Amino acid sequence: MWKRASTAIVVAVVAMAATASAQTTSAAAGSQQPATTSPQGAQPAGGQDPAASSMMTPAETRPATTTFMGDTGLWFVPTGEVLPAKRWSFSLYRVNFDYNEGFTDVSNWPITFGAGLGGKVEIFGAVQGVRRIDRDARPIFFNSQGGGVANEYPFVRGGWSGNQFGDVWVGAKFNLASQFEQKPVAFGLRALVKLPTAKDDDEGVGTGKLDFAFDAILSKEINERVEVSGYGGVIIRGKPADVEISNGIRWGVGLGLPSRKNLRLTAELHGEAYTDDTLTLSRSLIGEDGSIAPASTNLDSPFNASVGLTWQSKKGIFAGAGLNYRVKMDGRSEFGTFEDETGDSLGFQLRLGYHPGVRIYVPPPPPPPPPPPAATSCTPWPPSL
C-alpha cells in the first residue's frame, strides 16, 4: 500500500534532519559546558580509557534515548534511569503494530517530551498526533478471529481510517536506585494514564475511555558496553459501552550495544498477556460494507520482536530506524480462502530526537601528594674559630 511505500521517503527526511541538526550542534559546541577531565594517569570508573568515553557530554553523563512513550529507555523497553535534574528530552516517532483480528495494521506518530525533576523523577508524555488504521479483512467483518474485533481498537468499521488524531499519554517514572549512586542495578517505577483524545465514533480509532498502566523496571549497564533492561506491569483499560475489552499484563526485555558509542543496536522482545481470552460485543457493530462483527472474538495476546539502529551525536541528538515483527501471527490462509501477506506481521519504526544522557558515577580525584619536608639548617663541623 502507498503508506508502506512512503516509509522510504520518511527515512530520507529523518536522515537529512539528523544531519542538519548535527551540523548545527557542532557549530555551537563552543558555547557548551566543557567536559571535565580526569587527573593525569587516572581513568573513569570501570577502567575505561578516557578516549573511549568521548560520548559522555557533559563528563558526568552517558548516552541515552527515549522510548516511544517519552521516558528514558531503549526503544519500546524503558530503563530504570531518569533524566538529570532540570534537563529535558524530545522526540518524534513512527511506531507500527499488527493484530490478528481483521489483519489490522496500526501506525502512530507520537511527539514525546520528558523533564527531569530533582534527579529522581522524570515527567514524560506522548502526543499521538497522527494515527492510521488499515484493516485488511474483506469483508470487513466475518465470523472468525480473522474477521473479529481488535481489543485496543474495537470500533474500527472501515478498511482505512485516514490520518486521525490519536490518544495522549502522560506519565511519571520514579528512580529508586541508580548506578550513578553505585548501586548494582537501576530500579524504577512508572505510572501512565491515557487521555482518550482519539475518536471513538465513525473512524473508531479510539475507545473514548481512560486507561491506566503501572510498571516496575530493572536495568543495568554492563562494563560500559551493554545496557540490558526489563519491565513488567499491568494495564487497566476503561470499558466502553456495549463492549468488554481486556486488561493485560505488560512485559518487555531488551538490550542496547555498544552503550557509549555513536551507533547503537537495540534488540527487544515486548508484549502483553490479555487477562481475557475473548472480546464480547453486546450490540451490533456494522462495517462500512454492511458486514456485521461477530458477537464474540477470540483474542491473541500481542508478542513483538524489535530490532533497530540508532545514531546519536555527542550532544544527544539521535535518529534511528528499525523493524517490529509480530511473533506467531496467524496467516490469512488460516481463516478461509485468503492469500497470506508478508507485511501483515512486519512494521517499520522511525525516530528522531534529543536526550542529554543519564548520570554516571565519576570517582573523585586522588588526594594531592604530601608536600616535601621542610629544609633544616645544620652547624658546620668543625666549628670555625
Protein backbone atom coordinates (compact mmCIF):
# COMPACT_ATOMS: atom_id res chain seq x y z
CA MET A 1 0.00 0.00 0.00
CA TRP A 2 1.03 3.60 -0.51
CA LYS A 3 1.56 4.17 3.21
CA ARG A 4 4.21 1.44 3.31
CA ALA A 5 5.91 2.80 0.20
CA SER A 6 6.04 6.24 1.80
CA THR A 7 8.31 4.86 4.53
CA ALA A 8 11.36 5.26 2.28
CA ILE A 9 10.58 8.96 1.87
CA VAL A 10 10.21 9.38 5.63
CA VAL A 11 13.55 7.63 6.22
CA ALA A 12 15.27 10.06 3.87
CA VAL A 13 13.67 13.05 5.58
CA VAL A 14 14.75 11.77 9.01
CA ALA A 15 18.32 11.25 7.80
CA MET A 16 18.55 14.77 6.36
CA ALA A 17 17.05 16.28 9.50
CA ALA A 18 19.50 14.42 11.71
CA THR A 19 22.45 15.55 9.59
CA ALA A 20 21.34 19.19 9.67
CA SER A 21 20.80 19.03 13.44
CA ALA A 22 24.26 17.52 13.98
CA GLN A 23 25.92 20.27 11.90
CA THR A 24 24.06 22.98 13.83
CA THR A 25 25.01 21.45 17.16
CA SER A 26 28.67 21.10 16.13
CA ALA A 27 28.82 24.77 15.21
CA ALA A 28 27.51 25.73 18.64
CA ALA A 29 29.82 23.38 20.55
CA GLY A 30 31.99 26.24 21.82
CA SER A 31 29.11 27.52 23.95
CA GLN A 32 28.55 24.17 25.69
CA GLN A 33 29.86 23.20 29.11
CA PRO A 34 33.36 21.75 28.74
CA ALA A 35 33.85 18.13 29.74
CA THR A 36 35.79 17.61 32.90
CA THR A 37 38.92 15.54 32.63
CA SER A 38 40.46 13.00 34.92
CA PRO A 39 43.81 13.72 36.55
CA GLN A 40 46.83 12.52 34.63
CA GLY A 41 47.06 8.76 34.83
CA ALA A 42 43.54 8.35 36.28
CA GLN A 43 40.74 6.52 34.44
CA PRO A 44 36.94 6.71 34.72
CA ALA A 45 35.02 4.15 36.76
CA GLY A 46 35.32 0.70 35.20
CA GLY A 47 38.87 1.28 33.95
CA GLN A 48 37.83 2.57 30.53
CA ASP A 49 40.30 4.81 28.72
CA PRO A 50 39.13 8.46 28.64
CA ALA A 51 39.18 8.48 24.83
CA ALA A 52 36.51 5.75 24.83
CA SER A 53 34.26 7.96 26.95
CA SER A 54 34.06 10.84 24.48
CA MET A 55 30.28 10.35 24.18
CA MET A 56 29.82 11.48 27.80
CA THR A 57 28.72 15.10 27.42
CA PRO A 58 28.97 16.56 29.97
CA ALA A 59 31.51 14.25 31.61
CA GLU A 60 29.01 13.14 34.30
CA THR A 61 26.56 11.52 31.83
CA ARG A 62 26.47 8.67 29.34
CA PRO A 63 24.33 8.40 26.17
CA ALA A 64 20.63 7.57 26.43
CA THR A 65 17.50 7.82 24.29
CA THR A 66 13.74 7.98 24.81
CA THR A 67 11.13 5.28 24.37
CA PHE A 68 8.17 5.85 22.07
CA MET A 69 6.23 6.82 25.21
CA GLY A 70 8.72 9.62 26.03
CA ASP A 71 10.61 8.32 29.07
CA THR A 72 14.27 7.25 29.16
CA GLY A 73 14.79 3.82 27.63
CA LEU A 74 15.83 1.72 24.64
CA TRP A 75 13.03 1.95 22.02
CA PHE A 76 10.00 0.12 23.41
CA VAL A 77 11.52 -1.06 26.71
CA PRO A 78 12.17 1.62 29.37
CA THR A 79 15.20 1.67 31.68
CA GLY A 80 15.30 2.36 35.40
CA GLU A 81 17.35 5.54 34.89
CA VAL A 82 15.82 9.02 34.56
CA LEU A 83 16.77 12.41 33.17
CA PRO A 84 19.14 14.53 35.28
CA ALA A 85 17.55 17.37 37.24
CA LYS A 86 16.38 20.29 35.10
CA ARG A 87 17.25 18.50 31.85
CA TRP A 88 14.73 17.65 29.12
CA SER A 89 14.21 15.31 26.17
CA PHE A 90 12.17 15.47 22.97
CA SER A 91 11.48 13.05 20.13
CA LEU A 92 9.37 12.21 17.07
CA TYR A 93 8.43 8.59 16.38
CA ARG A 94 6.69 6.41 13.87
CA VAL A 95 5.65 3.11 15.51
CA ASN A 96 3.70 0.26 13.93
CA PHE A 97 1.86 -2.72 15.46
CA ASP A 98 -0.05 -5.56 13.82
CA TYR A 99 -3.04 -7.54 15.08
CA ASN A 100 -4.56 -10.87 14.02
CA GLU A 101 -8.08 -9.54 14.38
CA GLY A 102 -9.06 -8.12 10.99
CA PHE A 103 -5.42 -8.31 9.79
CA THR A 104 -5.21 -4.86 11.36
CA ASP A 105 -2.16 -2.62 10.89
CA VAL A 106 -1.90 0.40 13.24
CA SER A 107 0.62 3.24 12.85
CA ASN A 108 1.07 6.02 15.39
CA TRP A 109 3.23 9.15 15.00
CA PRO A 110 3.82 10.35 18.60
CA ILE A 111 5.57 13.55 19.66
CA THR A 112 7.22 12.91 23.01
CA PHE A 113 8.67 15.07 25.76
CA GLY A 114 10.38 14.47 29.10
CA ALA A 115 11.71 16.53 32.01
CA GLY A 116 13.89 15.61 34.97
CA LEU A 117 12.90 16.66 38.49
CA GLY A 118 15.44 16.51 41.29
CA GLY A 119 17.44 13.74 39.68
CA LYS A 120 14.99 11.05 40.87
CA VAL A 121 11.76 11.74 38.95
CA GLU A 122 11.01 12.01 35.25
CA ILE A 123 7.80 13.51 33.90
CA PHE A 124 7.04 12.47 30.32
CA GLY A 125 4.33 12.17 27.71
CA ALA A 126 3.49 11.17 24.14
CA VAL A 127 1.01 13.01 21.94
CA GLN A 128 -0.03 10.64 19.17
CA GLY A 129 -0.52 13.39 16.62
CA VAL A 130 -1.37 11.01 13.77
CA ARG A 131 -2.98 7.57 13.91
CA ARG A 132 -3.61 5.43 10.83
CA ILE A 133 -5.50 2.12 10.96
CA ASP A 134 -5.54 -0.21 7.98
CA ARG A 135 -7.94 -3.16 8.38
CA ASP A 136 -7.32 -5.56 5.50
CA ALA A 137 -10.05 -8.15 6.20
CA ARG A 138 -12.60 -8.42 3.36
CA PRO A 139 -15.42 -8.38 4.09
CA ILE A 140 -14.63 -6.02 6.97
CA PHE A 141 -16.17 -8.48 9.46
CA PHE A 142 -16.78 -12.22 9.27
CA ASN A 143 -17.37 -14.95 11.81
CA SER A 144 -13.86 -15.95 12.91
CA GLN A 145 -10.87 -14.33 14.61
CA GLY A 146 -9.59 -13.01 11.28
CA GLY A 147 -12.86 -11.12 10.87
CA GLY A 148 -13.26 -10.16 14.52
CA VAL A 149 -12.64 -7.05 16.61
CA ALA A 150 -9.21 -5.90 17.85
CA ASN A 151 -9.02 -5.39 21.63
CA GLU A 152 -7.31 -1.98 21.54
CA TYR A 153 -9.44 -0.66 18.64
CA PRO A 154 -12.89 -2.24 18.99
CA PHE A 155 -14.81 0.36 16.98
CA VAL A 156 -12.93 0.20 13.66
CA ARG A 157 -15.59 -0.33 10.97
CA GLY A 158 -13.71 0.56 7.79
CA GLY A 159 -10.74 -0.58 5.76
CA TRP A 160 -8.76 2.65 6.08
CA SER A 161 -9.10 5.34 8.74
CA GLY A 162 -7.07 8.07 7.06
CA ASN A 163 -4.99 10.39 9.21
CA GLN A 164 -6.64 10.83 12.60
CA PHE A 165 -5.55 12.34 15.91
CA GLY A 166 -4.64 9.63 18.41
CA ASP A 167 -4.58 9.48 22.19
CA VAL A 168 -2.34 11.42 24.59
CA TRP A 169 -0.30 9.53 27.20
CA VAL A 170 1.27 11.23 30.22
CA GLY A 171 3.27 9.64 32.99
CA ALA A 172 5.95 9.77 35.66
CA LYS A 173 8.88 7.49 36.40
CA PHE A 174 10.43 7.30 39.86
CA ASN A 175 14.04 6.18 40.17
CA LEU A 176 14.56 4.23 43.40
CA ALA A 177 18.11 3.01 42.68
CA SER A 178 20.70 4.13 40.15
CA GLN A 179 24.16 3.05 39.04
CA PHE A 180 25.05 6.72 39.48
CA GLU A 181 24.69 6.02 43.21
CA GLN A 182 26.99 2.98 42.81
CA LYS A 183 24.07 0.59 43.08
CA PRO A 184 24.50 -2.68 41.14
CA VAL A 185 21.35 -2.00 39.05
CA ALA A 186 18.90 0.78 38.29
CA PHE A 187 15.35 0.28 39.53
CA GLY A 188 12.31 2.42 38.81
CA LEU A 189 8.53 2.54 38.97
CA ARG A 190 6.46 4.01 36.14
CA ALA A 191 2.82 5.17 36.06
CA LEU A 192 0.95 6.26 32.92
CA VAL A 193 -2.52 7.45 32.04
CA LYS A 194 -4.11 7.61 28.59
CA LEU A 195 -6.21 10.67 27.86
CA PRO A 196 -8.88 9.48 25.37
CA THR A 197 -8.50 12.11 22.67
CA ALA A 198 -8.84 9.66 19.73
CA LYS A 199 -12.26 9.43 18.09
CA ASP A 200 -14.47 6.50 19.05
CA ASP A 201 -17.30 7.24 16.59
CA ASP A 202 -17.18 6.98 12.79
CA GLU A 203 -13.44 6.44 12.42
CA GLY A 204 -13.27 4.26 15.54
CA VAL A 205 -9.56 4.92 16.20
CA GLY A 206 -10.02 5.12 19.99
CA THR A 207 -12.12 3.80 22.87
CA GLY A 208 -13.13 7.13 24.40
CA LYS A 209 -12.11 5.91 27.86
CA LEU A 210 -9.20 6.47 30.25
CA ASP A 211 -6.55 3.75 30.52
CA PHE A 212 -4.04 3.33 33.36
CA ALA A 213 -0.71 1.48 33.32
CA PHE A 214 1.83 0.69 36.06
CA ASP A 215 5.28 -0.85 35.54
CA ALA A 216 8.35 -1.90 37.53
CA ILE A 217 11.66 -1.56 35.66
CA LEU A 218 15.10 -3.07 36.23
CA SER A 219 18.15 -2.16 34.11
CA LYS A 220 21.93 -2.26 34.16
CA GLU A 221 24.86 -1.02 32.09
CA ILE A 222 27.47 -3.79 32.00
CA ASN A 223 31.19 -2.91 31.68
CA GLU A 224 30.29 0.38 29.97
CA ARG A 225 29.46 -1.62 26.83
CA VAL A 226 25.97 -3.17 27.02
CA GLU A 227 22.77 -1.90 28.59
CA VAL A 228 20.13 -4.51 29.47
CA SER A 229 16.63 -3.77 30.73
CA GLY A 230 13.37 -5.47 31.56
CA TYR A 231 9.99 -4.40 32.85
CA GLY A 232 6.66 -5.86 33.92
CA GLY A 233 3.36 -4.30 34.82
CA VAL A 234 -0.36 -4.05 34.22
CA ILE A 235 -2.68 -2.00 32.02
CA ILE A 236 -6.25 -1.32 33.13
CA ARG A 237 -8.46 -0.23 30.24
CA GLY A 238 -11.59 1.85 30.55
CA LYS A 239 -14.63 -0.09 29.38
CA PRO A 240 -16.61 1.47 26.51
CA ALA A 241 -20.35 0.96 26.44
CA ASP A 242 -21.53 -2.36 24.92
CA VAL A 243 -18.06 -3.90 24.57
CA GLU A 244 -15.99 -5.95 27.00
CA ILE A 245 -12.33 -5.35 26.20
CA SER A 246 -9.50 -6.99 28.11
CA ASN A 247 -6.95 -5.65 30.57
CA GLY A 248 -3.43 -7.02 30.34
CA ILE A 249 -0.09 -7.90 31.89
CA ARG A 250 2.64 -5.86 30.17
CA TRP A 251 6.22 -7.05 29.80
CA GLY A 252 9.42 -6.42 27.87
CA VAL A 253 13.15 -7.20 27.80
CA GLY A 254 15.87 -5.69 25.66
CA LEU A 255 19.46 -4.62 25.23
CA GLY A 256 21.40 -1.81 23.60
CA LEU A 257 25.02 -2.02 22.49
CA PRO A 258 27.63 -0.58 22.44
CA SER A 259 26.08 1.60 25.11
CA ARG A 260 28.54 4.52 24.76
CA LYS A 261 29.19 4.64 21.01
CA ASN A 262 27.60 6.87 18.38
CA LEU A 263 25.93 3.95 16.55
CA ARG A 264 23.94 1.54 18.71
CA LEU A 265 21.89 -1.58 18.10
CA THR A 266 18.74 -2.26 20.11
CA ALA A 267 17.06 -5.67 20.26
CA GLU A 268 13.85 -6.13 22.26
CA LEU A 269 11.04 -8.58 22.99
CA HIS A 270 7.87 -7.00 24.33
CA GLY A 271 4.17 -7.64 24.53
CA GLU A 272 1.12 -8.15 26.67
CA ALA A 273 -0.80 -11.09 28.09
CA TYR A 274 -4.53 -10.35 27.92
CA THR A 275 -6.39 -11.28 31.08
CA ASP A 276 -9.41 -12.35 28.99
CA ASP A 277 -9.37 -14.74 26.04
CA THR A 278 -12.36 -13.20 24.29
CA LEU A 279 -13.84 -9.80 23.48
CA THR A 280 -17.63 -9.56 23.67
CA LEU A 281 -19.98 -7.10 21.97
CA SER A 282 -23.44 -6.52 23.41
CA ARG A 283 -24.66 -4.50 20.40
CA SER A 284 -24.31 -4.83 16.65
CA LEU A 285 -21.23 -3.34 15.02
CA ILE A 286 -21.76 -2.87 11.30
CA GLY A 287 -18.89 -2.39 8.88
CA GLU A 288 -18.85 0.21 6.13
CA ASP A 289 -19.53 -2.62 3.67
CA GLY A 290 -22.59 -3.80 5.59
CA SER A 291 -20.91 -6.80 7.24
CA ILE A 292 -21.65 -7.46 10.92
CA ALA A 293 -18.97 -8.04 13.56
CA PRO A 294 -19.16 -11.34 15.45
CA ALA A 295 -20.60 -11.05 18.96
CA SER A 296 -17.52 -12.77 20.40
CA THR A 297 -13.90 -12.62 19.17
CA ASN A 298 -11.07 -14.86 20.32
CA LEU A 299 -8.05 -12.72 21.22
CA ASP A 300 -4.36 -13.43 20.65
CA SER A 301 -2.06 -11.64 23.09
CA PRO A 302 0.48 -9.44 21.26
CA PHE A 303 4.11 -10.62 21.25
CA ASN A 304 6.61 -8.49 19.33
CA ALA A 305 10.30 -8.73 18.45
CA SER A 306 12.01 -5.44 17.56
CA VAL A 307 15.44 -4.54 16.23
CA GLY A 308 16.76 -1.08 15.39
CA LEU A 309 19.84 1.02 14.73
CA THR A 310 20.23 4.47 16.27
CA TRP A 311 22.91 7.08 15.60
CA GLN A 312 23.45 9.69 18.32
CA SER A 313 25.69 12.74 18.29
CA LYS A 314 27.93 13.69 21.21
CA LYS A 315 25.41 16.39 22.09
CA GLY A 316 22.48 13.97 22.40
CA ILE A 317 20.68 14.31 19.05
CA PHE A 318 19.62 10.88 17.75
CA ALA A 319 17.98 9.31 14.69
CA GLY A 320 17.06 5.68 14.16
CA ALA A 321 15.17 3.15 12.06
CA GLY A 322 14.04 -0.37 12.87
CA LEU A 323 11.60 -3.23 12.37
CA ASN A 324 8.86 -4.59 14.60
CA TYR A 325 7.77 -8.20 13.99
CA ARG A 326 4.56 -9.69 15.40
CA VAL A 327 5.60 -13.15 16.58
CA LYS A 328 3.21 -16.07 15.95
CA MET A 329 0.76 -14.03 13.91
CA ASP A 330 -1.61 -16.30 12.02
CA GLY A 331 -1.56 -16.08 8.24
CA ARG A 332 -4.65 -15.06 6.33
CA SER A 333 -4.94 -18.58 4.91
CA GLU A 334 -5.80 -19.78 8.43
CA PHE A 335 -9.18 -18.00 8.18
CA GLY A 336 -10.50 -19.08 4.80
CA THR A 337 -9.68 -18.58 1.15
CA PHE A 338 -7.27 -15.68 1.65
CA GLU A 339 -3.71 -15.30 0.41
CA ASP A 340 -1.04 -14.70 3.06
CA GLU A 341 0.66 -11.29 3.04
CA THR A 342 4.30 -10.97 4.21
CA GLY A 343 3.74 -7.46 5.53
CA ASP A 344 0.93 -8.48 7.88
CA SER A 345 3.36 -9.20 10.73
CA LEU A 346 6.07 -6.63 9.95
CA GLY A 347 6.15 -2.90 10.69
CA PHE A 348 8.69 -0.11 10.21
CA GLN A 349 9.81 2.10 13.10
CA LEU A 350 11.44 5.55 12.82
CA ARG A 351 12.63 8.09 15.38
CA LEU A 352 14.37 11.43 15.67
CA GLY A 353 15.03 13.25 18.92
CA TYR A 354 17.25 14.60 21.66
CA HIS A 355 18.26 13.20 25.05
CA PRO A 356 21.05 14.70 27.21
CA GLY A 357 22.04 11.32 28.72
CA VAL A 358 21.80 9.78 32.18
CA ARG A 359 24.15 10.35 35.09
CA ILE A 360 27.13 8.11 35.81
CA TYR A 361 29.39 7.79 38.81
CA VAL A 362 32.67 9.67 38.46
CA PRO A 363 35.27 8.85 41.13
CA PRO A 364 36.77 11.83 42.96
CA PRO A 365 40.34 12.75 42.01
CA PRO A 366 43.07 11.25 44.19
CA PRO A 367 44.34 13.45 47.03
CA PRO A 368 47.36 15.61 46.18
CA PRO A 369 50.75 14.24 47.22
CA PRO A 370 52.09 15.48 50.57
CA PRO A 371 54.43 18.48 50.43
CA PRO A 372 58.17 17.75 50.59
CA PRO A 373 59.76 18.01 54.07
CA ALA A 374 61.00 21.45 55.04
CA ALA A 375 64.77 22.03 54.76
CA THR A 376 66.67 22.12 58.12
CA SER A 377 69.80 24.14 58.95
CA CYS A 378 72.87 22.48 60.45
CA THR A 379 76.04 23.73 62.23
CA PRO A 380 79.23 23.22 60.17
CA TRP A 381 81.80 20.89 61.63
CA PRO A 382 84.32 21.50 62.79
CA PRO A 383 83.15 24.86 64.11
CA SER A 384 85.11 27.79 62.86
CA LEU A 385 87.23 29.63 65.32
